[in-house]
Amino acid sequence: MKNYKIDEVSKLSGLTKRTIRYYEELGLLSPPERTDGGMRLYTQEHIDRLGQIVNARDVLGFSLQEILEFVKIREEISSQSHVYRTSVDAEEKRRQLVEVEKNVAIQLRLIDQKLEKMTQFRAEIGQIHRRICDAIENTPQN
């Protein structure tokens, strides 16, 4: 498994080194292994997680608190999926599926709430734009 230094992770993720360390402090990113000299060694999983965080922040407009919740749910889903895949008991598999479904439903609700707010905001800006266009159209030119 390839390890990446923080400079490489910064370039690959588009985040500053300071932001990456801050996300570690908040618990958004699991702490990487360190060399004997204390240098952080990140994995592809870290880079993938940073991509998810950036998407949640930039695309969905999640706050850091919402991202923490989103990441926590993702970790639960991953854990539940692992139990599901390794279990041979049909009833245990069903329980895990039910739990995964609940967590995915929570994530969908979070996204739907953001989409609703964005739709409302878009409608407000659209109304302003229409009023401006109407005013331009109805204002005589010299």
C-alpha atoms as a PDB file:
ATOM      1  CA  MET A   1       0.000   0.000   0.000  1.00  0.00           C
ATOM      2  CA  LYS A   2       1.402   3.356  -1.052  1.00  0.00           C
ATOM      3  CA  ASN A   3       1.894   6.060   1.552  1.00  0.00           C
ATOM      4  CA  TYR A   4       1.701   9.765   0.817  1.00  0.00           C
ATOM      5  CA  LYS A   5       3.339  12.696   2.576  1.00  0.00           C
ATOM      6  CA  ILE A   6       1.159  15.643   3.517  1.00  0.00           C
ATOM      7  CA  ASP A   7       2.535  17.712   0.607  1.00  0.00           C
ATOM      8  CA  GLU A   8       1.343  15.075  -1.856  1.00  0.00           C
ATOM      9  CA  VAL A   9      -2.040  14.777  -0.145  1.00  0.00           C
ATOM     10  CA  SER A  10      -2.405  18.540  -0.268  1.00  0.00           C
ATOM     11  CA  LYS A  11      -1.776  18.592  -4.017  1.00  0.00           C
ATOM     12  CA  LEU A  12      -4.059  15.614  -4.696  1.00  0.00           C
ATOM     13  CA  SER A  13      -6.933  16.908  -2.564  1.00  0.00           C
ATOM     14  CA  GLY A  14      -6.636  20.609  -3.315  1.00  0.00           C
ATOM     15  CA  LEU A  15      -6.591  21.352   0.410  1.00  0.00           C
ATOM     16  CA  THR A  16      -3.911  23.147   2.368  1.00  0.00           C
ATOM     17  CA  LYS A  17      -1.731  21.201   4.785  1.00  0.00           C
ATOM     18  CA  ARG A  18      -3.228  23.270   7.593  1.00  0.00           C
ATOM     19  CA  THR A  19      -6.774  22.275   6.571  1.00  0.00           C
ATOM     20  CA  ILE A  20      -5.820  18.600   6.413  1.00  0.00           C
ATOM     21  CA  ARG A  21      -4.371  18.786   9.944  1.00  0.00           C
ATOM     22  CA  TYR A  22      -7.469  20.668  11.126  1.00  0.00           C
ATOM     23  CA  TYR A  23      -9.739  17.964   9.707  1.00  0.00           C
ATOM     24  CA  GLU A  24      -7.669  15.416  11.640  1.00  0.00           C
ATOM     25  CA  GLU A  25      -8.128  17.434  14.860  1.00  0.00           C
ATOM     26  CA  LEU A  26     -11.904  17.545  14.319  1.00  0.00           C
ATOM     27  CA  GLY A  27     -12.066  13.812  13.708  1.00  0.00           C
ATOM     28  CA  LEU A  28     -13.166  14.181  10.091  1.00  0.00           C
ATOM     29  CA  LEU A  29     -10.031  12.353   8.999  1.00  0.00           C
ATOM     30  CA  SER A  30      -8.509   9.452  10.903  1.00  0.00           C
ATOM     31  CA  PRO A  31      -4.990  10.111  12.131  1.00  0.00           C
ATOM     32  CA  PRO A  32      -2.401   8.712   9.719  1.00  0.00           C
ATOM     33  CA  GLU A  33       0.497   6.530  10.694  1.00  0.00           C
ATOM     34  CA  ARG A  34       3.701   8.358  11.466  1.00  0.00           C
ATOM     35  CA  THR A  35       7.321   7.666  10.777  1.00  0.00           C
ATOM     36  CA  ASP A  36       9.804   7.409  13.634  1.00  0.00           C
ATOM     37  CA  GLY A  37      10.547  11.074  12.941  1.00  0.00           C
ATOM     38  CA  GLY A  38       6.863  11.996  13.344  1.00  0.00           C
ATOM     39  CA  MET A  39       6.087  12.604   9.664  1.00  0.00           C
ATOM     40  CA  ARG A  40       2.499  11.784   8.703  1.00  0.00           C
ATOM     41  CA  LEU A  41       2.006   8.956   6.204  1.00  0.00           C
ATOM     42  CA  TYR A  42      -1.385   9.021   4.505  1.00  0.00           C
ATOM     43  CA  THR A  43      -3.042   6.267   2.493  1.00  0.00           C
ATOM     44  CA  GLN A  44      -5.365   6.307  -0.496  1.00  0.00           C
ATOM     45  CA  GLU A  45      -8.234   5.898   1.992  1.00  0.00           C
ATOM     46  CA  HIS A  46      -7.294   9.247   3.533  1.00  0.00           C
ATOM     47  CA  ILE A  47      -7.274  10.882   0.107  1.00  0.00           C
ATOM     48  CA  ASP A  48     -10.653   9.327  -0.753  1.00  0.00           C
ATOM     49  CA  ARG A  49     -12.093  10.537   2.568  1.00  0.00           C
ATOM     50  CA  LEU A  50     -10.839  14.053   1.899  1.00  0.00           C
ATOM     51  CA  GLY A  51     -12.593  13.900  -1.471  1.00  0.00           C
ATOM     52  CA  GLN A  52     -15.858  12.982   0.277  1.00  0.00           C
ATOM     53  CA  ILE A  53     -15.385  15.827   2.749  1.00  0.00           C
ATOM     54  CA  VAL A  54     -14.691  18.342  -0.013  1.00  0.00           C
ATOM     55  CA  ASN A  55     -17.786  17.180  -1.909  1.00  0.00           C
ATOM     56  CA  ALA A  56     -19.957  17.417   1.193  1.00  0.00           C
ATOM     57  CA  ARG A  57     -18.591  20.888   1.882  1.00  0.00           C
ATOM     58  CA  ASP A  58     -18.500  22.343  -1.620  1.00  0.00           C
ATOM     59  CA  VAL A  59     -21.220  20.514  -3.530  1.00  0.00           C
ATOM     60  CA  LEU A  60     -23.735  20.026  -0.748  1.00  0.00           C
ATOM     61  CA  GLY A  61     -22.817  23.097   1.283  1.00  0.00           C
ATOM     62  CA  PHE A  62     -22.502  21.137   4.525  1.00  0.00           C
ATOM     63  CA  SER A  63     -21.113  22.866   7.597  1.00  0.00           C
ATOM     64  CA  LEU A  64     -18.253  21.199   9.465  1.00  0.00           C
ATOM     65  CA  GLN A  65     -20.742  19.914  12.047  1.00  0.00           C
ATOM     66  CA  GLU A  66     -22.897  18.406   9.300  1.00  0.00           C
ATOM     67  CA  ILE A  67     -19.808  16.881   7.695  1.00  0.00           C
ATOM     68  CA  LEU A  68     -18.888  15.305  11.047  1.00  0.00           C
ATOM     69  CA  GLU A  69     -22.338  13.724  11.207  1.00  0.00           C
ATOM     70  CA  PHE A  70     -22.158  12.662   7.555  1.00  0.00           C
ATOM     71  CA  VAL A  71     -18.722  11.056   8.058  1.00  0.00           C
ATOM     72  CA  LYS A  72     -19.859   9.320  11.247  1.00  0.00           C
ATOM     73  CA  ILE A  73     -22.794   7.806   9.388  1.00  0.00           C
ATOM     74  CA  ARG A  74     -20.514   6.719   6.531  1.00  0.00           C
ATOM     75  CA  GLU A  75     -18.244   4.959   9.024  1.00  0.00           C
ATOM     76  CA  GLU A  76     -21.226   3.188  10.585  1.00  0.00           C
ATOM     77  CA  ILE A  77     -22.395   2.070   7.146  1.00  0.00           C
ATOM     78  CA  SER A  78     -18.919   0.765   6.344  1.00  0.00           C
ATOM     79  CA  SER A  79     -18.768  -1.125   9.631  1.00  0.00           C
ATOM     80  CA  GLN A  80     -22.251  -2.555   9.162  1.00  0.00           C
ATOM     81  CA  SER A  81     -21.407  -3.587   5.607  1.00  0.00           C
ATOM     82  CA  HIS A  82     -18.340  -5.428   6.860  1.00  0.00           C
ATOM     83  CA  VAL A  83     -20.412  -7.324   9.449  1.00  0.00           C
ATOM     84  CA  TYR A  84     -22.971  -8.119   6.739  1.00  0.00           C
ATOM     85  CA  ARG A  85     -20.338  -9.488   4.359  1.00  0.00           C
ATOM     86  CA  THR A  86     -18.635 -11.628   7.013  1.00  0.00           C
ATOM     87  CA  SER A  87     -21.765 -12.990   8.664  1.00  0.00           C
ATOM     88  CA  VAL A  88     -23.174 -16.362   7.694  1.00  0.00           C
ATOM     89  CA  ASP A  89     -26.312 -16.018   9.815  1.00  0.00           C
ATOM     90  CA  ALA A  90     -29.267 -14.917   7.667  1.00  0.00           C
ATOM     91  CA  GLU A  91     -30.963 -13.101  10.563  1.00  0.00           C
ATOM     92  CA  GLU A  92     -27.773 -11.173  11.372  1.00  0.00           C
ATOM     93  CA  LYS A  93     -27.417 -10.215   7.704  1.00  0.00           C
ATOM     94  CA  ARG A  94     -30.983  -8.912   7.738  1.00  0.00           C
ATOM     95  CA  ARG A  95     -30.350  -6.875  10.922  1.00  0.00           C
ATOM     96  CA  GLN A  96     -27.284  -5.313   9.343  1.00  0.00           C
ATOM     97  CA  LEU A  97     -29.196  -4.473   6.185  1.00  0.00           C
ATOM     98  CA  VAL A  98     -31.915  -2.791   8.248  1.00  0.00           C
ATOM     99  CA  GLU A  99     -29.291  -0.729  10.088  1.00  0.00           C
ATOM    100  CA  VAL A 100     -27.542   0.240   6.857  1.00  0.00           C
ATOM    101  CA  GLU A 101     -30.889   1.269   5.360  1.00  0.00           C
ATOM    102  CA  LYS A 102     -31.602   3.509   8.360  1.00  0.00           C
ATOM    103  CA  ASN A 103     -28.234   5.229   8.046  1.00  0.00           C
ATOM    104  CA  VAL A 104     -28.535   5.697   4.292  1.00  0.00           C
ATOM    105  CA  ALA A 105     -32.017   7.157   4.843  1.00  0.00           C
ATOM    106  CA  ILE A 106     -30.502   9.655   7.314  1.00  0.00           C
ATOM    107  CA  GLN A 107     -27.923  10.680   4.725  1.00  0.00           C
ATOM    108  CA  LEU A 108     -30.642  11.108   2.112  1.00  0.00           C
ATOM    109  CA  ARG A 109     -32.623  13.329   4.493  1.00  0.00           C
ATOM    110  CA  LEU A 110     -29.555  15.501   5.087  1.00  0.00           C
ATOM    111  CA  ILE A 111     -29.029  15.881   1.347  1.00  0.00           C
ATOM    112  CA  ASP A 112     -32.736  16.518   0.716  1.00  0.00           C
ATOM    113  CA  GLN A 113     -32.749  19.281   3.337  1.00  0.00           C
ATOM    114  CA  LYS A 114     -29.814  20.964   1.587  1.00  0.00           C
ATOM    115  CA  LEU A 115     -31.463  20.578  -1.806  1.00  0.00           C
ATOM    116  CA  GLU A 116     -34.674  22.138  -0.506  1.00  0.00           C
ATOM    117  CA  LYS A 117     -32.784  25.138   0.876  1.00  0.00           C
ATOM    118  CA  MET A 118     -30.881  25.504  -2.393  1.00  0.00           C
ATOM    119  CA  THR A 119     -34.116  25.310  -4.392  1.00  0.00           C
ATOM    120  CA  GLN A 120     -35.701  28.011  -2.237  1.00  0.00           C
ATOM    121  CA  PHE A 121     -32.647  30.225  -2.567  1.00  0.00           C
ATOM    122  CA  ARG A 122     -32.588  29.657  -6.340  1.00  0.00           C
ATOM    123  CA  ALA A 123     -36.257  30.671  -6.567  1.00  0.00           C
ATOM    124  CA  GLU A 124     -35.607  33.892  -4.616  1.00  0.00           C
ATOM    125  CA  ILE A 125     -32.677  34.848  -6.847  1.00  0.00           C
ATOM    126  CA  GLY A 126     -34.750  33.929  -9.914  1.00  0.00           C
ATOM    127  CA  GLN A 127     -37.516  36.321  -8.807  1.00  0.00           C
ATOM    128  CA  ILE A 128     -35.027  39.130  -8.310  1.00  0.00           C
ATOM    129  CA  HIS A 129     -33.565  38.460 -11.737  1.00  0.00           C
ATOM    130  CA  ARG A 130     -37.020  38.523 -13.382  1.00  0.00           C
ATOM    131  CA  ARG A 131     -37.866  41.835 -11.692  1.00  0.00           C
ATOM    132  CA  ILE A 132     -34.600  43.356 -12.892  1.00  0.00           C
ATOM    133  CA  CYS A 133     -35.181  42.103 -16.444  1.00  0.00           C
ATOM    134  CA  ASP A 134     -38.733  43.512 -16.371  1.00  0.00           C
ATOM    135  CA  ALA A 135     -37.419  46.848 -15.125  1.00  0.00           C
ATOM    136  CA  ILE A 136     -34.813  46.951 -17.889  1.00  0.00           C
ATOM    137  CA  GLU A 137     -37.471  46.153 -20.476  1.00  0.00           C
ATOM    138  CA  ASN A 138     -39.850  48.812 -19.148  1.00  0.00           C
ATOM    139  CA  THR A 139     -37.263  51.552 -18.726  1.00  0.00           C
ATOM    140  CA  PRO A 140     -37.172  53.851 -21.758  1.00  0.00           C
ATOM    141  CA  GLN A 141     -33.868  54.326 -23.518  1.00  0.00           C
ATOM    142  CA  ASN A 142     -32.596  57.802 -24.341  1.00  0.00           C
END
